[in-house]
Amino acid sequence: MLTLFFVSTGAQAQFGKKLLKKGNIDAAKKVTKAATLSDSDMAALSLQSVQWMDENNPIAEVGTSYGDRLAKLVDGLENEDGLQLNFKVYEVVDVNAFATPDGSVRVMAGLMDIMTDAELLSVIGHEIGHVKLGHSKKRYQSAYTISAAKDVAMANTGAGKVLADDQIGGFVENVLNAQFSQSNESASDEYGFKLLVAHGLDYHGMEGAFQKLADLSGDGGKGALTSSHPGSAKRATRAKEWADKEDAKN
């Protein structure tokens, strides 16, 4: 959040003069644009960040155990309700997964190590939900605004840059550190569950996935992936209720 403190009329006038610098004008435009990024701009920004992440993480290619397992799991999920998806595994120990506005889904090997195929698919469905429901786009807008706010301060030194190559890493960090709201998480849980049902996949896996995250944290769902997916134990219970209702239909 950018906060401006005006302590006197003179300070305001001085600030106004600084704002007229070209760097400040460009940065201020960027702050305004952040709230109104078009879908095409968002897709381009998303792709740029994913390319950076792919270049800075070891990828499990097809032909490796992780790569082959994920490719088999997501076969048939390349297009979800009009959204083109692409999937990769990062060979890192993190227990995590994420999806970006352009439809890039990235799964960490650490998550694959502790989850069954059905549980892993439920997490992937949940992450796709964040994209389809617009949560990921808002997360990117927020991170972009933070980056823009930093540029306003940097512009006064002549060092401001607008998402140059050396800024992408910081931008990605802002994105990954941002947390979704409880309502966003709940909505994505439901989207992911319905995705599993629609594709004829094992929807019981969602309960197991959340229970494992709760057990991993030892405190009801905080830590690792659970840091951005709070209340995993309660969500496991809710997923079981959904599964029981779905079972009753069959």
Protein backbone atom coordinates (compact mmCIF):
# COMPACT_ATOMS: atom_id res chain seq x y z
CA MET A 1 0.00 0.00 0.00
CA LEU A 2 1.34 3.42 -0.96
CA THR A 3 0.82 6.05 1.73
CA LEU A 4 1.54 9.75 1.19
CA PHE A 5 2.16 12.01 4.21
CA PHE A 6 1.61 15.75 3.70
CA VAL A 7 3.08 17.67 6.64
CA SER A 8 2.90 21.22 5.31
CA THR A 9 1.83 23.29 2.32
CA GLY A 10 5.47 23.59 1.36
CA ALA A 11 5.94 19.86 1.47
CA GLN A 12 2.93 19.41 -0.77
CA ALA A 13 4.27 21.90 -3.29
CA GLN A 14 7.68 20.22 -3.27
CA PHE A 15 6.05 16.84 -3.76
CA GLY A 16 4.04 18.27 -6.66
CA LYS A 17 7.21 19.43 -8.37
CA LYS A 18 8.81 16.03 -8.00
CA LEU A 19 5.74 14.35 -9.42
CA LEU A 20 6.24 16.28 -12.64
CA LYS A 21 9.43 14.33 -13.33
CA LYS A 22 9.01 11.99 -16.28
CA GLY A 23 9.87 8.95 -14.16
CA ASN A 24 7.19 9.85 -11.63
CA ILE A 25 4.62 10.49 -14.34
CA ASP A 26 5.34 7.10 -15.95
CA ALA A 27 5.18 5.36 -12.57
CA ALA A 28 1.94 7.12 -11.63
CA LYS A 29 0.43 6.02 -14.92
CA LYS A 30 1.48 2.49 -14.08
CA VAL A 31 -0.30 2.66 -10.69
CA THR A 32 -3.49 3.76 -12.46
CA LYS A 33 -3.15 1.11 -15.15
CA ALA A 34 -2.72 -1.65 -12.58
CA ALA A 35 -6.38 -1.47 -11.64
CA THR A 36 -7.50 -1.67 -15.26
CA LEU A 37 -5.14 -4.17 -16.86
CA SER A 38 -6.82 -5.72 -19.88
CA ASP A 39 -7.07 -9.48 -20.20
CA SER A 40 -4.41 -9.42 -22.91
CA ASP A 41 -2.08 -7.31 -20.74
CA MET A 42 -2.69 -9.65 -17.82
CA ALA A 43 -1.96 -12.69 -19.97
CA ALA A 44 1.28 -11.12 -21.20
CA LEU A 45 2.35 -10.23 -17.65
CA SER A 46 1.42 -13.70 -16.45
CA LEU A 47 3.39 -15.34 -19.26
CA GLN A 48 6.42 -13.17 -18.53
CA SER A 49 6.39 -14.20 -14.88
CA VAL A 50 5.91 -17.89 -15.67
CA GLN A 51 8.79 -17.82 -18.13
CA TRP A 52 10.98 -16.35 -15.38
CA MET A 53 9.91 -19.03 -12.92
CA ASP A 54 10.47 -21.80 -15.46
CA GLU A 55 13.96 -20.48 -16.12
CA ASN A 56 14.77 -20.33 -12.42
CA ASN A 57 13.42 -23.70 -11.28
CA PRO A 58 14.47 -27.24 -12.29
CA ILE A 59 11.72 -28.73 -14.48
CA ALA A 60 10.89 -32.43 -14.51
CA GLU A 61 10.58 -33.16 -18.20
CA VAL A 62 8.50 -35.89 -19.82
CA GLY A 63 10.54 -39.06 -19.47
CA THR A 64 11.18 -38.49 -15.77
CA SER A 65 9.02 -40.06 -13.07
CA TYR A 66 7.55 -36.72 -11.97
CA GLY A 67 7.04 -35.43 -15.49
CA ASP A 68 5.40 -38.62 -16.72
CA ARG A 69 3.13 -38.87 -13.70
CA LEU A 70 1.81 -35.32 -14.09
CA ALA A 71 1.37 -35.70 -17.86
CA LYS A 72 -0.74 -38.82 -17.29
CA LEU A 73 -2.81 -37.18 -14.56
CA VAL A 74 -3.74 -34.08 -16.57
CA ASP A 75 -4.34 -35.84 -19.87
CA GLY A 76 -7.65 -34.41 -21.10
CA LEU A 77 -7.45 -31.29 -18.96
CA GLU A 78 -5.61 -29.16 -21.53
CA ASN A 79 -8.71 -27.01 -22.01
CA GLU A 80 -11.00 -26.22 -19.11
CA ASP A 81 -14.12 -24.26 -19.94
CA GLY A 82 -12.35 -22.30 -22.66
CA LEU A 83 -9.10 -21.83 -20.70
CA GLN A 84 -6.01 -23.30 -22.34
CA LEU A 85 -3.86 -24.94 -19.67
CA ASN A 86 -0.26 -26.05 -19.56
CA PHE A 87 1.34 -28.09 -16.79
CA LYS A 88 4.88 -28.52 -15.45
CA VAL A 89 6.58 -29.98 -12.40
CA TYR A 90 9.26 -28.11 -10.49
CA GLU A 91 11.71 -30.56 -8.95
CA VAL A 92 11.81 -28.77 -5.61
CA VAL A 93 10.93 -30.01 -2.13
CA ASP A 94 8.22 -27.42 -1.51
CA VAL A 95 4.75 -28.77 -0.77
CA ASN A 96 2.96 -26.40 -3.10
CA ALA A 97 1.20 -25.74 -6.39
CA PHE A 98 -0.12 -22.66 -8.16
CA ALA A 99 -1.78 -21.49 -11.37
CA THR A 100 -1.36 -18.15 -13.14
CA PRO A 101 -3.87 -16.04 -15.13
CA ASP A 102 -2.60 -17.31 -18.49
CA GLY A 103 -3.42 -20.91 -17.55
CA SER A 104 0.01 -22.12 -16.47
CA VAL A 105 -0.21 -24.70 -13.69
CA ARG A 106 2.94 -25.54 -11.76
CA VAL A 107 3.18 -28.41 -9.28
CA MET A 108 6.07 -28.93 -6.87
CA ALA A 109 7.67 -32.35 -6.52
CA GLY A 110 7.33 -32.10 -2.75
CA LEU A 111 3.55 -32.02 -3.11
CA MET A 112 3.58 -34.98 -5.48
CA ASP A 113 5.64 -36.97 -3.00
CA ILE A 114 2.99 -36.88 -0.29
CA MET A 115 -0.22 -37.10 -2.32
CA THR A 116 -2.04 -39.80 -4.23
CA ASP A 117 -3.10 -39.16 -7.82
CA ALA A 118 -6.66 -38.33 -6.75
CA GLU A 119 -5.46 -35.94 -4.04
CA LEU A 120 -3.08 -34.22 -6.43
CA LEU A 121 -5.81 -33.75 -9.03
CA SER A 122 -8.03 -32.13 -6.41
CA VAL A 123 -5.30 -29.59 -5.65
CA ILE A 124 -4.81 -28.92 -9.37
CA GLY A 125 -8.57 -28.45 -9.79
CA HIS A 126 -8.59 -26.02 -6.90
CA GLU A 127 -5.77 -23.96 -8.45
CA ILE A 128 -7.55 -23.91 -11.82
CA GLY A 129 -10.55 -22.56 -9.93
CA HIS A 130 -8.55 -19.57 -8.77
CA VAL A 131 -7.85 -18.72 -12.41
CA LYS A 132 -11.35 -19.34 -13.76
CA LEU A 133 -12.97 -17.36 -10.94
CA GLY A 134 -10.67 -14.36 -11.44
CA HIS A 135 -8.82 -14.67 -8.13
CA SER A 136 -5.39 -15.08 -9.77
CA LYS A 137 -5.94 -12.00 -11.92
CA LYS A 138 -6.70 -9.90 -8.83
CA ARG A 139 -3.61 -11.31 -7.14
CA TYR A 140 -1.49 -10.22 -10.10
CA GLN A 141 -3.10 -6.78 -10.13
CA SER A 142 -2.26 -6.38 -6.45
CA ALA A 143 1.35 -7.45 -6.97
CA TYR A 144 1.64 -5.16 -10.00
CA THR A 145 0.35 -2.22 -7.98
CA ILE A 146 2.93 -2.90 -5.26
CA SER A 147 5.62 -2.95 -7.91
CA ALA A 148 4.29 0.31 -9.33
CA ALA A 149 4.28 1.94 -5.90
CA LYS A 150 7.95 1.07 -5.48
CA ASP A 151 8.65 2.64 -8.84
CA VAL A 152 7.18 5.97 -7.73
CA ALA A 153 9.78 6.15 -4.97
CA MET A 154 12.57 4.88 -7.23
CA ALA A 155 11.72 7.37 -9.96
CA ASN A 156 13.01 10.26 -7.85
CA THR A 157 16.50 8.74 -7.99
CA GLY A 158 16.33 8.10 -11.72
CA ALA A 159 16.52 4.35 -11.08
CA GLY A 160 12.87 3.47 -11.69
CA LYS A 161 12.08 0.69 -14.15
CA VAL A 162 8.74 -0.75 -15.20
CA LEU A 163 8.83 -4.56 -14.97
CA ALA A 164 12.25 -4.79 -16.51
CA ASP A 165 13.98 -8.17 -16.49
CA ASP A 166 15.59 -7.48 -13.15
CA GLN A 167 12.19 -6.68 -11.60
CA ILE A 168 10.38 -9.85 -12.56
CA GLY A 169 11.82 -11.84 -9.67
CA GLY A 170 10.53 -9.33 -7.13
CA PHE A 171 7.16 -9.20 -8.82
CA VAL A 172 6.88 -13.00 -8.72
CA GLU A 173 7.76 -12.92 -5.02
CA ASN A 174 4.93 -10.45 -4.42
CA VAL A 175 2.52 -12.71 -6.29
CA LEU A 176 3.51 -15.85 -4.42
CA ASN A 177 3.47 -14.14 -1.03
CA ALA A 178 -0.05 -12.78 -1.54
CA GLN A 179 -2.84 -14.79 0.07
CA PHE A 180 -6.32 -15.44 -1.21
CA SER A 181 -9.29 -14.56 0.97
CA GLN A 182 -11.25 -17.24 2.80
CA SER A 183 -14.16 -16.71 0.41
CA ASN A 184 -11.84 -17.12 -2.59
CA GLU A 185 -10.47 -20.35 -1.16
CA SER A 186 -13.94 -21.73 -0.49
CA ALA A 187 -15.14 -20.85 -3.99
CA SER A 188 -12.08 -22.51 -5.55
CA ASP A 189 -12.60 -25.61 -3.42
CA GLU A 190 -16.11 -25.91 -4.81
CA TYR A 191 -14.95 -25.23 -8.37
CA GLY A 192 -12.25 -27.88 -8.06
CA PHE A 193 -14.69 -30.43 -6.67
CA LYS A 194 -17.15 -29.82 -9.51
CA LEU A 195 -14.31 -30.11 -12.02
CA LEU A 196 -13.47 -33.56 -10.67
CA VAL A 197 -17.09 -34.64 -10.90
CA ALA A 198 -17.51 -33.24 -14.42
CA HIS A 199 -14.46 -35.15 -15.67
CA GLY A 200 -15.44 -38.38 -13.95
CA LEU A 201 -12.43 -38.24 -11.65
CA ASP A 202 -12.13 -39.48 -8.06
CA TYR A 203 -13.66 -36.61 -6.10
CA HIS A 204 -12.90 -38.31 -2.77
CA GLY A 205 -9.31 -37.16 -3.18
CA MET A 206 -10.07 -33.62 -2.05
CA GLU A 207 -10.85 -34.74 1.47
CA GLY A 208 -7.58 -36.66 1.64
CA ALA A 209 -5.56 -33.77 0.22
CA PHE A 210 -6.80 -31.30 2.81
CA GLN A 211 -6.42 -33.80 5.62
CA LYS A 212 -2.80 -34.40 4.67
CA LEU A 213 -2.13 -30.67 4.64
CA ALA A 214 -3.73 -30.39 8.08
CA ASP A 215 -1.65 -33.32 9.38
CA LEU A 216 1.49 -31.84 7.84
CA SER A 217 1.07 -28.61 9.73
CA GLY A 218 0.04 -30.24 12.97
CA ASP A 219 -2.09 -27.24 13.87
CA GLY A 220 -5.16 -27.54 11.73
CA GLY A 221 -3.75 -26.29 8.48
CA LYS A 222 -1.01 -23.69 8.70
CA GLY A 223 2.37 -23.99 7.03
CA ALA A 224 3.71 -25.00 3.57
CA LEU A 225 0.80 -24.98 1.09
CA THR A 226 -1.46 -24.61 4.12
CA SER A 227 -0.10 -21.11 4.73
CA SER A 228 -2.19 -19.94 1.78
CA HIS A 229 -4.91 -22.55 2.32
CA PRO A 230 -5.90 -22.02 5.97
CA GLY A 231 -8.26 -24.26 7.90
CA SER A 232 -7.38 -27.41 5.99
CA ALA A 233 -8.98 -29.72 8.56
CA LYS A 234 -12.35 -27.97 8.26
CA ARG A 235 -12.06 -27.98 4.50
CA ALA A 236 -11.41 -31.71 4.55
CA THR A 237 -14.67 -32.14 6.46
CA ARG A 238 -16.54 -30.01 3.94
CA ALA A 239 -15.03 -31.96 1.03
CA LYS A 240 -16.22 -35.19 2.63
CA GLU A 241 -19.74 -33.78 2.88
CA TRP A 242 -19.67 -32.92 -0.82
CA ALA A 243 -18.40 -36.39 -1.68
CA ASP A 244 -21.08 -38.05 0.47
CA LYS A 245 -23.79 -36.06 -1.32
CA GLU A 246 -22.32 -36.98 -4.70
CA ASP A 247 -22.17 -40.64 -3.69
CA ALA A 248 -25.83 -40.50 -2.73
CA LYS A 249 -26.74 -39.44 -6.27
CA ASN A 250 -25.14 -42.53 -7.76
